């Protein structure tokens, strides 16, 4: 079972995946600009010997390794990865919502407990000094009548 990830961690992973995906697409398939730096058929016929040409990949080699099936597999793999990430996102959203509800309930319970403890403490203090007005009155009577 995978562990939950934060939203920030997921964004970093998705950004990294997108960067890698774009990088893979750029490195796997040649662009027109990439192809322009290679020799043309006429250049090879004029300057290259048969022995020189043996080192390079043939058209059949390129067709065998760079195919639409290979690209389709790559796209399917990226779509599968996207589905897995979206499933993980939804799972994490549900886990976060559940944790939020639990935390909210715990905080409410702790707050109620603290309020009850404070009430008990105040009641103890109140009981301790309940007769204070009578004592002060007697003290005032004794002190002020002597003068």
C-alpha atoms as a PDB file:
ATOM      1  CA  UNK A   1       0.000   0.000   0.000  1.00  0.00           C
ATOM      2  CA  UNK A   2       1.370   3.390  -0.896  1.00  0.00           C
ATOM      3  CA  UNK A   3       1.625   6.167   1.654  1.00  0.00           C
ATOM      4  CA  UNK A   4      -0.359   9.385   1.220  1.00  0.00           C
ATOM      5  CA  UNK A   5       1.473  12.331  -0.320  1.00  0.00           C
ATOM      6  CA  UNK A   6       0.903  16.018   0.118  1.00  0.00           C
ATOM      7  CA  UNK A   7      -0.473  18.224  -2.608  1.00  0.00           C
ATOM      8  CA  UNK A   8       2.924  19.908  -2.990  1.00  0.00           C
ATOM      9  CA  UNK A   9       4.732  16.559  -3.330  1.00  0.00           C
ATOM     10  CA  UNK A  10       2.236  15.471  -5.963  1.00  0.00           C
ATOM     11  CA  UNK A  11       2.682  18.701  -7.929  1.00  0.00           C
ATOM     12  CA  UNK A  12       6.468  18.225  -7.866  1.00  0.00           C
ATOM     13  CA  UNK A  13       6.087  14.630  -9.076  1.00  0.00           C
ATOM     14  CA  UNK A  14       3.699  15.651 -11.867  1.00  0.00           C
ATOM     15  CA  UNK A  15       5.995  18.494 -12.956  1.00  0.00           C
ATOM     16  CA  UNK A  16       8.956  16.119 -13.014  1.00  0.00           C
ATOM     17  CA  UNK A  17       6.929  13.552 -14.976  1.00  0.00           C
ATOM     18  CA  UNK A  18       5.844  16.194 -17.517  1.00  0.00           C
ATOM     19  CA  UNK A  19       9.422  17.393 -17.926  1.00  0.00           C
ATOM     20  CA  UNK A  20      10.656  13.836 -18.413  1.00  0.00           C
ATOM     21  CA  UNK A  21       7.841  13.113 -20.869  1.00  0.00           C
ATOM     22  CA  UNK A  22       8.647  16.188 -22.947  1.00  0.00           C
ATOM     23  CA  UNK A  23      12.353  15.354 -22.766  1.00  0.00           C
ATOM     24  CA  UNK A  24      11.704  11.763 -23.867  1.00  0.00           C
ATOM     25  CA  UNK A  25       9.609  12.939 -26.788  1.00  0.00           C
ATOM     26  CA  UNK A  26      12.327  15.349 -27.846  1.00  0.00           C
ATOM     27  CA  UNK A  27      15.125  12.793 -27.567  1.00  0.00           C
ATOM     28  CA  UNK A  28      13.278   9.817 -29.052  1.00  0.00           C
ATOM     29  CA  UNK A  29      12.065  11.389 -32.255  1.00  0.00           C
ATOM     30  CA  UNK A  30      14.160  13.524 -34.561  1.00  0.00           C
ATOM     31  CA  UNK A  31      12.878  16.910 -35.603  1.00  0.00           C
ATOM     32  CA  UNK A  32      13.361  18.448 -39.048  1.00  0.00           C
ATOM     33  CA  UNK A  33      16.099  20.616 -37.567  1.00  0.00           C
ATOM     34  CA  UNK A  34      17.872  17.481 -36.241  1.00  0.00           C
ATOM     35  CA  UNK A  35      17.694  15.820 -39.647  1.00  0.00           C
ATOM     36  CA  UNK A  36      19.089  18.836 -41.500  1.00  0.00           C
ATOM     37  CA  UNK A  37      22.512  18.386 -39.924  1.00  0.00           C
ATOM     38  CA  UNK A  38      22.892  14.918 -41.465  1.00  0.00           C
ATOM     39  CA  UNK A  39      24.185  14.211 -44.915  1.00  0.00           C
ATOM     40  CA  UNK A  40      21.690  13.843 -47.728  1.00  0.00           C
ATOM     41  CA  UNK A  41      21.624  10.959 -50.176  1.00  0.00           C
ATOM     42  CA  UNK A  42      23.473  13.076 -52.734  1.00  0.00           C
ATOM     43  CA  UNK A  43      26.184  13.989 -50.193  1.00  0.00           C
ATOM     44  CA  UNK A  44      26.701  10.340 -49.327  1.00  0.00           C
ATOM     45  CA  UNK A  45      26.903   9.311 -52.974  1.00  0.00           C
ATOM     46  CA  UNK A  46      29.511  11.987 -53.670  1.00  0.00           C
ATOM     47  CA  UNK A  47      31.727  11.758 -50.606  1.00  0.00           C
ATOM     48  CA  UNK A  48      31.229   8.448 -48.835  1.00  0.00           C
ATOM     49  CA  UNK A  49      32.656   5.076 -49.650  1.00  0.00           C
ATOM     50  CA  UNK A  50      30.735   1.871 -49.100  1.00  0.00           C
ATOM     51  CA  UNK A  51      32.897   1.169 -46.060  1.00  0.00           C
ATOM     52  CA  UNK A  52      31.972   4.564 -44.562  1.00  0.00           C
ATOM     53  CA  UNK A  53      28.287   3.875 -45.070  1.00  0.00           C
ATOM     54  CA  UNK A  54      28.409   0.519 -43.252  1.00  0.00           C
ATOM     55  CA  UNK A  55      28.823   2.366 -39.926  1.00  0.00           C
ATOM     56  CA  UNK A  56      25.479   4.152 -40.203  1.00  0.00           C
ATOM     57  CA  UNK A  57      21.992   2.845 -39.604  1.00  0.00           C
ATOM     58  CA  UNK A  58      19.984   1.946 -42.655  1.00  0.00           C
ATOM     59  CA  UNK A  59      16.438   2.967 -43.407  1.00  0.00           C
ATOM     60  CA  UNK A  60      15.325  -0.503 -42.334  1.00  0.00           C
ATOM     61  CA  UNK A  61      17.176  -0.125 -39.018  1.00  0.00           C
ATOM     62  CA  UNK A  62      15.440   3.159 -38.337  1.00  0.00           C
ATOM     63  CA  UNK A  63      12.052   1.767 -39.288  1.00  0.00           C
ATOM     64  CA  UNK A  64      12.605  -1.203 -37.025  1.00  0.00           C
ATOM     65  CA  UNK A  65      13.531   0.880 -33.950  1.00  0.00           C
ATOM     66  CA  UNK A  66      11.466   4.022 -34.382  1.00  0.00           C
ATOM     67  CA  UNK A  67       7.965   2.864 -35.164  1.00  0.00           C
ATOM     68  CA  UNK A  68       4.484   4.167 -34.535  1.00  0.00           C
ATOM     69  CA  UNK A  69       3.895   1.092 -32.364  1.00  0.00           C
ATOM     70  CA  UNK A  70       6.765   2.150 -30.141  1.00  0.00           C
ATOM     71  CA  UNK A  71       5.331   5.653 -29.928  1.00  0.00           C
ATOM     72  CA  UNK A  72       1.864   4.246 -29.225  1.00  0.00           C
ATOM     73  CA  UNK A  73       3.310   2.099 -26.416  1.00  0.00           C
ATOM     74  CA  UNK A  74       4.999   5.174 -25.005  1.00  0.00           C
ATOM     75  CA  UNK A  75       1.738   7.148 -25.119  1.00  0.00           C
ATOM     76  CA  UNK A  76      -0.185   4.241 -23.559  1.00  0.00           C
ATOM     77  CA  UNK A  77       2.384   4.003 -20.789  1.00  0.00           C
ATOM     78  CA  UNK A  78       2.110   7.731 -20.098  1.00  0.00           C
ATOM     79  CA  UNK A  79      -1.705   7.463 -20.066  1.00  0.00           C
ATOM     80  CA  UNK A  80      -1.482   4.557 -17.612  1.00  0.00           C
ATOM     81  CA  UNK A  81       0.836   6.581 -15.432  1.00  0.00           C
ATOM     82  CA  UNK A  82      -1.566   9.515 -15.592  1.00  0.00           C
ATOM     83  CA  UNK A  83      -4.465   7.268 -14.530  1.00  0.00           C
ATOM     84  CA  UNK A  84      -2.434   5.927 -11.614  1.00  0.00           C
ATOM     85  CA  UNK A  85      -1.520   9.470 -10.542  1.00  0.00           C
ATOM     86  CA  UNK A  86      -5.134  10.638 -10.795  1.00  0.00           C
ATOM     87  CA  UNK A  87      -6.248   7.650  -8.712  1.00  0.00           C
ATOM     88  CA  UNK A  88      -3.585   8.512  -6.138  1.00  0.00           C
ATOM     89  CA  UNK A  89      -4.743  12.138  -6.106  1.00  0.00           C
ATOM     90  CA  UNK A  90      -8.342  11.122  -5.470  1.00  0.00           C
ATOM     91  CA  UNK A  91      -7.284   8.664  -2.783  1.00  0.00           C
ATOM     92  CA  UNK A  92      -5.219  11.365  -1.097  1.00  0.00           C
ATOM     93  CA  UNK A  93      -8.110  13.839  -1.282  1.00  0.00           C
ATOM     94  CA  UNK A  94     -10.362  11.337   0.468  1.00  0.00           C
ATOM     95  CA  UNK A  95      -7.701  10.580   3.088  1.00  0.00           C
ATOM     96  CA  UNK A  96      -7.150  14.297   3.726  1.00  0.00           C
ATOM     97  CA  UNK A  97     -10.904  14.899   4.058  1.00  0.00           C
ATOM     98  CA  UNK A  98     -11.166  12.023   6.528  1.00  0.00           C
ATOM     99  CA  UNK A  99      -8.195  13.293   8.523  1.00  0.00           C
ATOM    100  CA  UNK A 100      -9.686  16.776   8.540  1.00  0.00           C
ATOM    101  CA  UNK A 101     -12.989  15.473   9.938  1.00  0.00           C
ATOM    102  CA  UNK A 102     -11.166  13.416  12.583  1.00  0.00           C
ATOM    103  CA  UNK A 103      -8.964  16.348  13.558  1.00  0.00           C
ATOM    104  CA  UNK A 104     -11.970  18.644  13.779  1.00  0.00           C
ATOM    105  CA  UNK A 105     -13.755  16.183  16.077  1.00  0.00           C
ATOM    106  CA  UNK A 106     -10.629  15.738  18.240  1.00  0.00           C
ATOM    107  CA  UNK A 107     -10.142  19.498  18.630  1.00  0.00           C
ATOM    108  CA  UNK A 108     -13.812  19.922  19.578  1.00  0.00           C
ATOM    109  CA  UNK A 109     -13.504  17.142  22.162  1.00  0.00           C
ATOM    110  CA  UNK A 110     -10.314  18.642  23.630  1.00  0.00           C
ATOM    111  CA  UNK A 111     -11.898  22.099  23.789  1.00  0.00           C
ATOM    112  CA  UNK A 112     -14.921  20.701  25.645  1.00  0.00           C
ATOM    113  CA  UNK A 113     -12.634  18.911  28.068  1.00  0.00           C
ATOM    114  CA  UNK A 114     -10.625  22.066  28.735  1.00  0.00           C
ATOM    115  CA  UNK A 115     -13.806  24.111  29.288  1.00  0.00           C
ATOM    116  CA  UNK A 116     -15.053  21.536  31.794  1.00  0.00           C
ATOM    117  CA  UNK A 117     -11.724  21.594  33.668  1.00  0.00           C
ATOM    118  CA  UNK A 118     -11.791  25.399  33.829  1.00  0.00           C
ATOM    119  CA  UNK A 119     -15.381  25.327  35.147  1.00  0.00           C
ATOM    120  CA  UNK A 120     -14.327  22.874  37.837  1.00  0.00           C
ATOM    121  CA  UNK A 121     -11.355  25.051  38.810  1.00  0.00           C
ATOM    122  CA  UNK A 122     -13.516  28.194  38.981  1.00  0.00           C
ATOM    123  CA  UNK A 123     -16.142  26.374  41.069  1.00  0.00           C
ATOM    124  CA  UNK A 124     -13.408  25.336  43.515  1.00  0.00           C
ATOM    125  CA  UNK A 125     -12.212  28.939  43.815  1.00  0.00           C
ATOM    126  CA  UNK A 126     -15.771  30.178  44.130  1.00  0.00           C
ATOM    127  CA  UNK A 127     -16.515  27.731  46.963  1.00  0.00           C
ATOM    128  CA  UNK A 128     -13.294  28.712  48.735  1.00  0.00           C
ATOM    129  CA  UNK A 129     -14.243  32.407  48.849  1.00  0.00           C
ATOM    130  CA  UNK A 130     -18.043  32.128  49.033  1.00  0.00           C
ATOM    131  CA  UNK A 131     -18.142  33.480  52.610  1.00  0.00           C
ATOM    132  CA  UNK A 132     -15.675  36.300  51.847  1.00  0.00           C
ATOM    133  CA  UNK A 133     -18.275  39.133  51.786  1.00  0.00           C
ATOM    134  CA  UNK A 134     -19.496  38.160  55.268  1.00  0.00           C
ATOM    135  CA  UNK A 135     -15.934  37.972  56.589  1.00  0.00           C
ATOM    136  CA  UNK A 136     -15.061  41.365  55.088  1.00  0.00           C
ATOM    137  CA  UNK A 137     -18.192  42.912  56.579  1.00  0.00           C
ATOM    138  CA  UNK A 138     -17.320  41.581  60.044  1.00  0.00           C
ATOM    139  CA  UNK A 139     -13.753  42.812  59.635  1.00  0.00           C
ATOM    140  CA  UNK A 140     -14.909  46.278  58.564  1.00  0.00           C
ATOM    141  CA  UNK A 141     -17.332  46.440  61.488  1.00  0.00           C
ATOM    142  CA  UNK A 142     -14.593  45.501  63.917  1.00  0.00           C
ATOM    143  CA  UNK A 143     -12.001  47.875  62.477  1.00  0.00           C
ATOM    144  CA  UNK A 144     -14.124  50.930  61.763  1.00  0.00           C
ATOM    145  CA  UNK A 145     -16.137  50.868  64.986  1.00  0.00           C
ATOM    146  CA  UNK A 146     -12.974  51.066  67.129  1.00  0.00           C
ATOM    147  CA  UNK A 147     -11.960  54.467  65.794  1.00  0.00           C
END
